[in-house]
């Protein structure tokens, strides 16, 4: 189910597209901390999805394909 990882990467890129112009406009320390935390979370999301795409980790349980075997 690699298409879910691709969709999550596209969604993260979409959010970054709208957030990027606002990041340099941060004037207070609270805004800078917020955007810093937001960028750290963004990097975690992107890294996790790239790891799934490169099959470095197994996908989440809900996205794993189950092979049905006949029980005897």
N, C-alpha and C. Protein backbone atom coordinates (compact mmCIF):
# COMPACT_ATOMS: atom_id res chain seq x y z
N UNK A 1 0.83 -1.18 0.00
CA UNK A 1 0.00 0.00 0.00
C UNK A 1 0.88 1.26 0.00
N UNK A 2 1.75 1.32 -0.95
CA UNK A 2 2.66 2.45 -1.02
C UNK A 2 1.97 3.73 -1.45
N UNK A 3 0.79 3.61 -2.05
CA UNK A 3 0.12 4.82 -2.50
C UNK A 3 -0.34 5.68 -1.32
N UNK A 4 -0.57 5.08 -0.16
CA UNK A 4 -0.92 5.87 1.02
C UNK A 4 0.25 6.75 1.46
N UNK A 5 1.44 6.20 1.40
CA UNK A 5 2.64 6.98 1.76
C UNK A 5 2.84 8.12 0.78
N UNK A 6 2.60 7.86 -0.50
CA UNK A 6 2.73 8.93 -1.50
C UNK A 6 1.69 10.00 -1.26
N UNK A 7 0.47 9.61 -0.96
CA UNK A 7 -0.57 10.60 -0.69
C UNK A 7 -0.25 11.44 0.54
N UNK A 8 0.30 10.82 1.59
CA UNK A 8 0.68 11.58 2.78
C UNK A 8 1.82 12.55 2.47
N UNK A 9 2.77 12.14 1.63
CA UNK A 9 3.85 13.05 1.24
C UNK A 9 3.31 14.23 0.44
N UNK A 10 2.38 13.96 -0.45
CA UNK A 10 1.77 15.05 -1.23
C UNK A 10 0.99 16.00 -0.33
N UNK A 11 0.29 15.47 0.65
CA UNK A 11 -0.45 16.32 1.58
C UNK A 11 0.50 17.17 2.42
N UNK A 12 1.60 16.58 2.87
CA UNK A 12 2.58 17.34 3.65
C UNK A 12 3.20 18.44 2.79
N UNK A 13 3.49 18.13 1.54
CA UNK A 13 4.01 19.15 0.63
C UNK A 13 3.01 20.26 0.38
N UNK A 14 1.75 19.92 0.29
CA UNK A 14 0.69 20.92 0.11
C UNK A 14 0.64 21.86 1.32
N UNK A 15 0.71 21.29 2.53
CA UNK A 15 0.72 22.13 3.73
C UNK A 15 1.96 23.02 3.78
N UNK A 16 3.11 22.48 3.38
CA UNK A 16 4.33 23.28 3.37
C UNK A 16 4.23 24.40 2.35
N UNK A 17 3.58 24.16 1.23
CA UNK A 17 3.40 25.18 0.19
C UNK A 17 2.67 26.41 0.75
N UNK A 18 1.67 26.18 1.58
CA UNK A 18 0.94 27.30 2.16
C UNK A 18 1.63 27.90 3.37
N UNK A 19 2.41 27.12 4.09
CA UNK A 19 3.05 27.61 5.30
C UNK A 19 4.35 28.36 5.02
N UNK A 20 5.05 28.01 3.95
CA UNK A 20 6.37 28.56 3.70
C UNK A 20 6.41 30.09 3.66
N UNK A 21 5.47 30.79 3.02
CA UNK A 21 5.53 32.26 3.01
C UNK A 21 5.32 32.88 4.40
N UNK A 22 4.66 32.18 5.30
CA UNK A 22 4.37 32.74 6.61
C UNK A 22 5.51 32.52 7.61
N UNK A 23 6.38 31.58 7.34
CA UNK A 23 7.44 31.26 8.29
C UNK A 23 8.41 32.44 8.49
N UNK A 24 8.91 33.09 7.43
CA UNK A 24 9.82 34.23 7.65
C UNK A 24 9.14 35.44 8.29
N UNK A 25 7.83 35.49 8.25
CA UNK A 25 7.11 36.63 8.81
C UNK A 25 6.91 36.52 10.32
N UNK A 26 7.42 35.47 10.94
CA UNK A 26 7.28 35.29 12.38
C UNK A 26 8.09 36.36 13.10
N UNK A 27 7.42 37.15 13.94
CA UNK A 27 8.10 38.25 14.61
C UNK A 27 8.33 37.98 16.09
N UNK A 28 7.43 37.30 16.74
CA UNK A 28 7.60 37.06 18.17
C UNK A 28 8.28 35.71 18.40
N UNK A 29 8.76 35.53 19.60
CA UNK A 29 9.42 34.27 19.93
C UNK A 29 8.43 33.11 19.93
N UNK A 30 7.21 33.36 20.33
CA UNK A 30 6.19 32.32 20.33
C UNK A 30 5.91 31.83 18.91
N UNK A 31 5.85 32.76 17.96
CA UNK A 31 5.65 32.35 16.57
C UNK A 31 6.83 31.54 16.05
N UNK A 32 8.03 31.94 16.42
CA UNK A 32 9.22 31.21 15.97
C UNK A 32 9.24 29.80 16.56
N UNK A 33 8.84 29.65 17.81
CA UNK A 33 8.78 28.32 18.43
C UNK A 33 7.72 27.48 17.74
N UNK A 34 6.58 28.07 17.44
CA UNK A 34 5.51 27.34 16.76
C UNK A 34 5.98 26.84 15.40
N UNK A 35 6.58 27.71 14.59
CA UNK A 35 7.01 27.30 13.26
C UNK A 35 8.16 26.31 13.34
N UNK A 36 9.02 26.45 14.34
CA UNK A 36 10.09 25.47 14.53
C UNK A 36 9.52 24.10 14.85
N UNK A 37 8.55 24.05 15.74
CA UNK A 37 7.91 22.77 16.09
C UNK A 37 7.16 22.21 14.89
N UNK A 38 6.53 23.08 14.12
CA UNK A 38 5.80 22.64 12.94
C UNK A 38 6.75 22.03 11.92
N UNK A 39 7.90 22.65 11.72
CA UNK A 39 8.88 22.12 10.77
C UNK A 39 9.48 20.80 11.25
N UNK A 40 9.69 20.66 12.55
CA UNK A 40 10.19 19.39 13.09
C UNK A 40 9.15 18.29 12.86
N UNK A 41 7.89 18.58 13.13
CA UNK A 41 6.83 17.60 12.88
C UNK A 41 6.74 17.26 11.39
N UNK A 42 6.88 18.27 10.53
CA UNK A 42 6.87 18.05 9.08
C UNK A 42 7.99 17.10 8.68
N UNK A 43 9.19 17.31 9.20
CA UNK A 43 10.32 16.46 8.87
C UNK A 43 10.10 15.02 9.36
N UNK A 44 9.48 14.86 10.53
CA UNK A 44 9.16 13.52 11.02
C UNK A 44 8.18 12.81 10.09
N UNK A 45 7.16 13.53 9.65
CA UNK A 45 6.16 12.94 8.74
C UNK A 45 6.81 12.55 7.42
N UNK A 46 7.60 13.45 6.86
CA UNK A 46 8.25 13.17 5.58
C UNK A 46 9.24 12.01 5.72
N UNK A 47 10.02 12.01 6.78
CA UNK A 47 10.98 10.93 6.97
C UNK A 47 10.32 9.57 7.15
N UNK A 48 9.25 9.53 7.91
CA UNK A 48 8.55 8.26 8.13
C UNK A 48 7.94 7.74 6.83
N UNK A 49 7.39 8.63 6.04
CA UNK A 49 6.77 8.18 4.79
C UNK A 49 7.81 7.78 3.76
N UNK A 50 8.95 8.46 3.73
CA UNK A 50 10.03 8.03 2.84
C UNK A 50 10.57 6.67 3.27
N UNK A 51 10.66 6.43 4.58
CA UNK A 51 11.11 5.13 5.06
C UNK A 51 10.14 4.04 4.64
N UNK A 52 8.85 4.34 4.65
CA UNK A 52 7.86 3.37 4.19
C UNK A 52 7.99 3.14 2.69
N UNK A 53 8.20 4.23 1.93
CA UNK A 53 8.34 4.09 0.48
C UNK A 53 9.57 3.28 0.12
N UNK A 54 10.66 3.49 0.83
CA UNK A 54 11.90 2.77 0.54
C UNK A 54 11.93 1.39 1.19
N UNK A 55 10.83 1.03 1.84
CA UNK A 55 10.65 -0.25 2.52
C UNK A 55 11.72 -0.50 3.57
N UNK A 56 12.12 0.57 4.26
CA UNK A 56 13.05 0.44 5.37
C UNK A 56 12.31 0.02 6.63
N UNK A 57 11.02 0.34 6.70
CA UNK A 57 10.17 -0.07 7.81
C UNK A 57 8.92 -0.72 7.22
N UNK A 58 8.25 -1.47 8.03
CA UNK A 58 7.01 -2.06 7.55
C UNK A 58 5.89 -1.02 7.67
N UNK A 59 4.93 -1.06 6.76
CA UNK A 59 3.83 -0.11 6.83
C UNK A 59 2.98 -0.34 8.08
N UNK A 60 2.15 0.63 8.45
CA UNK A 60 1.28 0.44 9.61
C UNK A 60 0.40 -0.81 9.45
N UNK A 61 -0.04 -1.34 10.57
CA UNK A 61 -0.80 -2.60 10.56
C UNK A 61 -2.04 -2.50 9.70
N UNK A 62 -2.70 -1.36 9.73
CA UNK A 62 -3.94 -1.21 8.96
C UNK A 62 -3.68 -1.23 7.45
N UNK A 63 -2.45 -0.92 7.04
CA UNK A 63 -2.15 -0.85 5.62
C UNK A 63 -1.45 -2.10 5.10
N UNK A 64 -1.15 -3.04 5.97
CA UNK A 64 -0.48 -4.25 5.52
C UNK A 64 -1.48 -5.16 4.85
N UNK A 65 -1.04 -5.75 3.76
CA UNK A 65 -1.91 -6.68 3.06
C UNK A 65 -1.89 -8.02 3.78
N UNK A 66 -3.06 -8.55 3.96
CA UNK A 66 -3.16 -9.84 4.65
C UNK A 66 -3.41 -10.92 3.61
N UNK A 67 -2.66 -11.98 3.73
CA UNK A 67 -2.84 -13.12 2.84
C UNK A 67 -3.74 -14.11 3.57
N UNK A 68 -4.85 -14.37 2.97
CA UNK A 68 -5.80 -15.29 3.60
C UNK A 68 -5.40 -16.72 3.26
N UNK A 69 -5.21 -17.49 4.29
CA UNK A 69 -4.86 -18.88 4.11
C UNK A 69 -6.01 -19.74 4.59
N UNK A 70 -6.20 -20.80 3.91
CA UNK A 70 -7.28 -21.70 4.28
C UNK A 70 -6.84 -22.50 5.50
N UNK A 71 -7.69 -22.52 6.51
CA UNK A 71 -7.37 -23.26 7.72
C UNK A 71 -7.87 -24.69 7.57
N UNK A 72 -7.08 -25.59 8.07
CA UNK A 72 -7.45 -27.01 7.97
C UNK A 72 -7.96 -27.51 9.29
